[in-house]
Amino acid sequence: MEMERAVQASRQRQHPFSVETLDCTDRSLRRWMAVHLRTLLVTDRINAMFGGVFFTTFAADTVTLLCQAARVITSTRVDAISYSFIAVTVGLFGVYSTLLPVPMVLALEESDGLSPLVHILSALTKRGIGESSDASDYKQRLLQFELACRHHSCALSGAGIFYFSRRNLVGIWTFVLTFLLIANELLNADGQK
């Protein structure tokens, strides 16, 4: 939020930066850099301590979901209680495997959204400062922060094997649904012969 306000303020400013404005912007930049670094350190610690747990939990949920889906397809029992138990189990593990990583996905998307804002702020600041030698340190720090935001995001992973992202969640669900459709078609083809 604060970064977006700074970008808006820079867009509205038509005159070159004053020394006071540059000092205030420099303090804000240092604070943003410190917060970004602390966030990356916390993310790394979470990955180091819980990455295995994240991977094991997510893998167990996905395998359970696949097994229950296969059970629905291959079940010879036709009673309502059996189908309702399997449907509830599939639904429960499906929701759990989707809702567990949602905060992790949101953290990644927020972190990735910072880089374009810093780039816009950098471009607007360079335009406002011009070639002032007083601001060369500030421009260098801003460039370093822009590169840090671009190359280091707050990505939570499952033991470093995969990262929790929207793309991976959609991929898992696509895999499960494809498995269901293919298994259903194969079993129906065998039953018709």
Protein backbone atom coordinates (compact mmCIF):
# COMPACT_ATOMS: atom_id res chain seq x y z
CA MET A 1 0.00 0.00 0.00
CA GLU A 2 2.71 2.47 0.98
CA MET A 3 4.66 1.61 -2.17
CA GLU A 4 1.60 2.33 -4.32
CA ARG A 5 1.12 5.71 -2.57
CA ALA A 6 4.75 6.59 -3.27
CA VAL A 7 4.34 5.72 -6.94
CA GLN A 8 1.20 7.88 -7.15
CA ALA A 9 2.96 10.78 -5.41
CA SER A 10 5.91 10.48 -7.81
CA ARG A 11 3.57 10.52 -10.81
CA GLN A 12 1.89 13.69 -9.59
CA ARG A 13 5.17 15.49 -8.95
CA GLN A 14 6.19 17.56 -11.97
CA HIS A 15 9.10 19.47 -10.49
CA PRO A 16 12.52 18.05 -9.61
CA PHE A 17 13.04 16.54 -6.19
CA SER A 18 14.04 18.85 -3.39
CA VAL A 19 16.68 17.79 -0.87
CA GLU A 20 14.00 17.27 1.82
CA THR A 21 11.87 15.15 -0.52
CA LEU A 22 14.90 13.10 -1.51
CA ASP A 23 15.83 12.51 2.15
CA CYS A 24 12.28 11.42 2.97
CA THR A 25 12.17 9.12 -0.06
CA ASP A 26 15.58 7.70 0.83
CA ARG A 27 14.41 6.88 4.38
CA SER A 28 11.31 5.20 2.98
CA LEU A 29 13.42 3.22 0.52
CA ARG A 30 15.73 2.02 3.31
CA ARG A 31 12.71 0.95 5.34
CA TRP A 32 11.21 -0.94 2.36
CA MET A 33 14.55 -2.65 1.74
CA ALA A 34 14.77 -3.72 5.39
CA VAL A 35 11.21 -5.06 5.42
CA HIS A 36 11.79 -6.93 2.15
CA LEU A 37 14.98 -8.49 3.51
CA ARG A 38 13.30 -9.53 6.77
CA THR A 39 10.40 -11.04 4.81
CA LEU A 40 12.81 -13.03 2.65
CA LEU A 41 14.66 -14.26 5.76
CA VAL A 42 11.39 -15.37 7.40
CA THR A 43 10.34 -17.13 4.20
CA ASP A 44 13.68 -18.95 4.04
CA ARG A 45 13.36 -20.02 7.68
CA ILE A 46 9.81 -21.28 7.10
CA ASN A 47 11.02 -23.24 4.06
CA ALA A 48 13.94 -24.69 6.03
CA MET A 49 11.83 -25.74 9.00
CA PHE A 50 8.55 -26.74 7.39
CA GLY A 51 9.37 -27.51 3.75
CA GLY A 52 9.37 -31.25 4.40
CA VAL A 53 6.09 -31.03 6.28
CA PHE A 54 4.54 -28.97 3.47
CA PHE A 55 5.69 -31.51 0.89
CA THR A 56 4.59 -34.56 2.87
CA THR A 57 1.18 -33.10 3.71
CA PHE A 58 0.47 -31.92 0.19
CA ALA A 59 1.71 -35.17 -1.38
CA ALA A 60 -0.35 -37.28 1.07
CA ASP A 61 -3.45 -35.19 0.33
CA THR A 62 -2.96 -35.55 -3.42
CA VAL A 63 -2.34 -39.31 -3.21
CA THR A 64 -5.40 -39.74 -0.96
CA LEU A 65 -7.46 -37.74 -3.41
CA LEU A 66 -6.27 -39.92 -6.31
CA CYS A 67 -6.88 -43.15 -4.40
CA GLN A 68 -10.38 -42.15 -3.38
CA ALA A 69 -11.15 -41.04 -6.92
CA ALA A 70 -9.94 -44.41 -8.21
CA ARG A 71 -12.10 -46.10 -5.59
CA VAL A 72 -15.16 -44.26 -6.88
CA ILE A 73 -14.47 -45.43 -10.41
CA THR A 74 -13.68 -49.06 -9.56
CA SER A 75 -16.25 -49.53 -6.79
CA THR A 76 -18.66 -52.40 -7.31
CA ARG A 77 -20.82 -51.40 -4.37
CA VAL A 78 -23.80 -49.31 -5.35
CA ASP A 79 -25.22 -48.34 -1.97
CA ALA A 80 -25.64 -44.64 -1.17
CA ILE A 81 -23.61 -44.75 2.06
CA SER A 82 -20.51 -46.05 0.29
CA TYR A 83 -20.72 -43.40 -2.44
CA SER A 84 -21.44 -40.62 0.04
CA PHE A 85 -18.45 -41.63 2.20
CA ILE A 86 -16.14 -41.61 -0.81
CA ALA A 87 -17.57 -38.33 -2.11
CA VAL A 88 -17.15 -36.65 1.29
CA THR A 89 -13.59 -37.94 1.55
CA VAL A 90 -12.69 -36.72 -1.94
CA GLY A 91 -14.33 -33.36 -1.24
CA LEU A 92 -12.62 -32.99 2.14
CA PHE A 93 -9.14 -33.80 0.87
CA GLY A 94 -9.73 -31.76 -2.29
CA VAL A 95 -10.69 -28.68 -0.31
CA TYR A 96 -7.87 -29.27 2.18
CA SER A 97 -5.24 -29.63 -0.53
CA THR A 98 -6.52 -26.44 -2.14
CA LEU A 99 -7.03 -24.29 0.96
CA LEU A 100 -3.79 -25.25 2.75
CA PRO A 101 -1.52 -23.57 0.19
CA VAL A 102 -3.71 -20.50 -0.49
CA PRO A 103 -1.81 -18.23 1.97
CA MET A 104 1.45 -19.44 0.42
CA VAL A 105 0.21 -18.62 -3.08
CA LEU A 106 -0.97 -15.18 -1.96
CA ALA A 107 2.41 -14.44 -0.36
CA LEU A 108 4.16 -15.31 -3.62
CA GLU A 109 1.80 -13.17 -5.69
CA GLU A 110 2.17 -10.16 -3.35
CA SER A 111 5.93 -10.53 -3.44
CA ASP A 112 5.95 -10.78 -7.23
CA GLY A 113 3.72 -7.69 -7.44
CA LEU A 114 6.33 -5.55 -5.70
CA SER A 115 8.83 -5.59 -8.56
CA PRO A 116 6.70 -3.68 -11.10
CA LEU A 117 5.89 -1.03 -8.49
CA VAL A 118 9.56 -0.54 -7.66
CA HIS A 119 10.37 -0.34 -11.36
CA ILE A 120 7.76 2.39 -11.90
CA LEU A 121 9.00 4.26 -8.83
CA SER A 122 12.56 3.96 -10.10
CA ALA A 123 11.68 5.34 -13.53
CA LEU A 124 9.68 8.22 -12.08
CA THR A 125 12.38 9.04 -9.56
CA LYS A 126 15.11 9.06 -12.20
CA ARG A 127 13.00 11.41 -14.28
CA GLY A 128 12.41 13.69 -11.28
CA ILE A 129 16.01 13.68 -10.05
CA GLY A 130 17.66 14.03 -13.40
CA GLU A 131 21.46 13.85 -13.36
CA SER A 132 21.85 15.25 -9.85
CA SER A 133 25.07 14.07 -8.23
CA ASP A 134 23.47 14.44 -4.77
CA ALA A 135 21.13 11.57 -5.57
CA SER A 136 23.60 9.08 -7.06
CA ASP A 137 23.64 6.94 -3.87
CA TYR A 138 19.88 6.96 -3.77
CA LYS A 139 19.59 5.94 -7.42
CA GLN A 140 22.08 3.11 -6.83
CA ARG A 141 20.10 1.83 -3.78
CA LEU A 142 16.87 2.06 -5.73
CA LEU A 143 18.38 0.04 -8.56
CA GLN A 144 19.66 -2.60 -6.10
CA PHE A 145 16.22 -2.81 -4.49
CA GLU A 146 14.57 -3.17 -7.88
CA LEU A 147 16.91 -6.03 -8.79
CA ALA A 148 16.39 -7.69 -5.39
CA CYS A 149 12.60 -7.52 -5.82
CA ARG A 150 12.85 -8.93 -9.32
CA HIS A 151 15.14 -11.87 -8.45
CA HIS A 152 14.06 -12.77 -4.90
CA SER A 153 10.42 -13.41 -4.14
CA CYS A 154 8.78 -14.88 -1.05
CA ALA A 155 8.15 -18.34 -2.46
CA LEU A 156 7.19 -21.07 -0.03
CA SER A 157 8.12 -24.53 -1.17
CA GLY A 158 7.52 -28.15 -0.41
CA ALA A 159 11.06 -29.25 0.52
CA GLY A 160 12.43 -27.35 -2.47
CA ILE A 161 10.77 -29.85 -4.82
CA PHE A 162 7.94 -27.55 -5.92
CA TYR A 163 6.74 -24.07 -5.07
CA PHE A 164 3.23 -23.20 -4.01
CA SER A 165 1.90 -21.11 -6.85
CA ARG A 166 -1.41 -20.71 -8.60
CA ARG A 167 0.03 -22.54 -11.61
CA ASN A 168 1.05 -25.58 -9.53
CA LEU A 169 -2.34 -25.81 -7.81
CA VAL A 170 -4.15 -25.68 -11.14
CA GLY A 171 -1.72 -28.31 -12.45
CA ILE A 172 -2.46 -30.69 -9.56
CA TRP A 173 -6.21 -30.35 -10.03
CA THR A 174 -5.87 -30.80 -13.78
CA PHE A 175 -3.85 -33.97 -13.15
CA VAL A 176 -6.47 -35.38 -10.76
CA LEU A 177 -9.36 -34.63 -13.13
CA THR A 178 -7.45 -36.06 -16.10
CA PHE A 179 -6.72 -39.19 -14.06
CA LEU A 180 -10.42 -39.53 -13.26
CA LEU A 181 -11.51 -39.14 -16.86
CA ILE A 182 -8.90 -41.52 -18.30
CA ALA A 183 -9.49 -44.17 -15.63
CA ASN A 184 -13.24 -43.92 -16.13
CA GLU A 185 -12.91 -44.30 -19.91
CA LEU A 186 -10.52 -47.27 -19.59
CA LEU A 187 -12.78 -49.06 -17.15
CA ASN A 188 -15.86 -48.38 -19.27
CA ALA A 189 -14.04 -49.69 -22.37
CA ASP A 190 -13.05 -52.88 -20.50
CA GLY A 191 -16.59 -53.37 -19.22
CA GLN A 192 -18.08 -53.10 -22.71
CA LYS A 193 -15.84 -55.82 -24.23
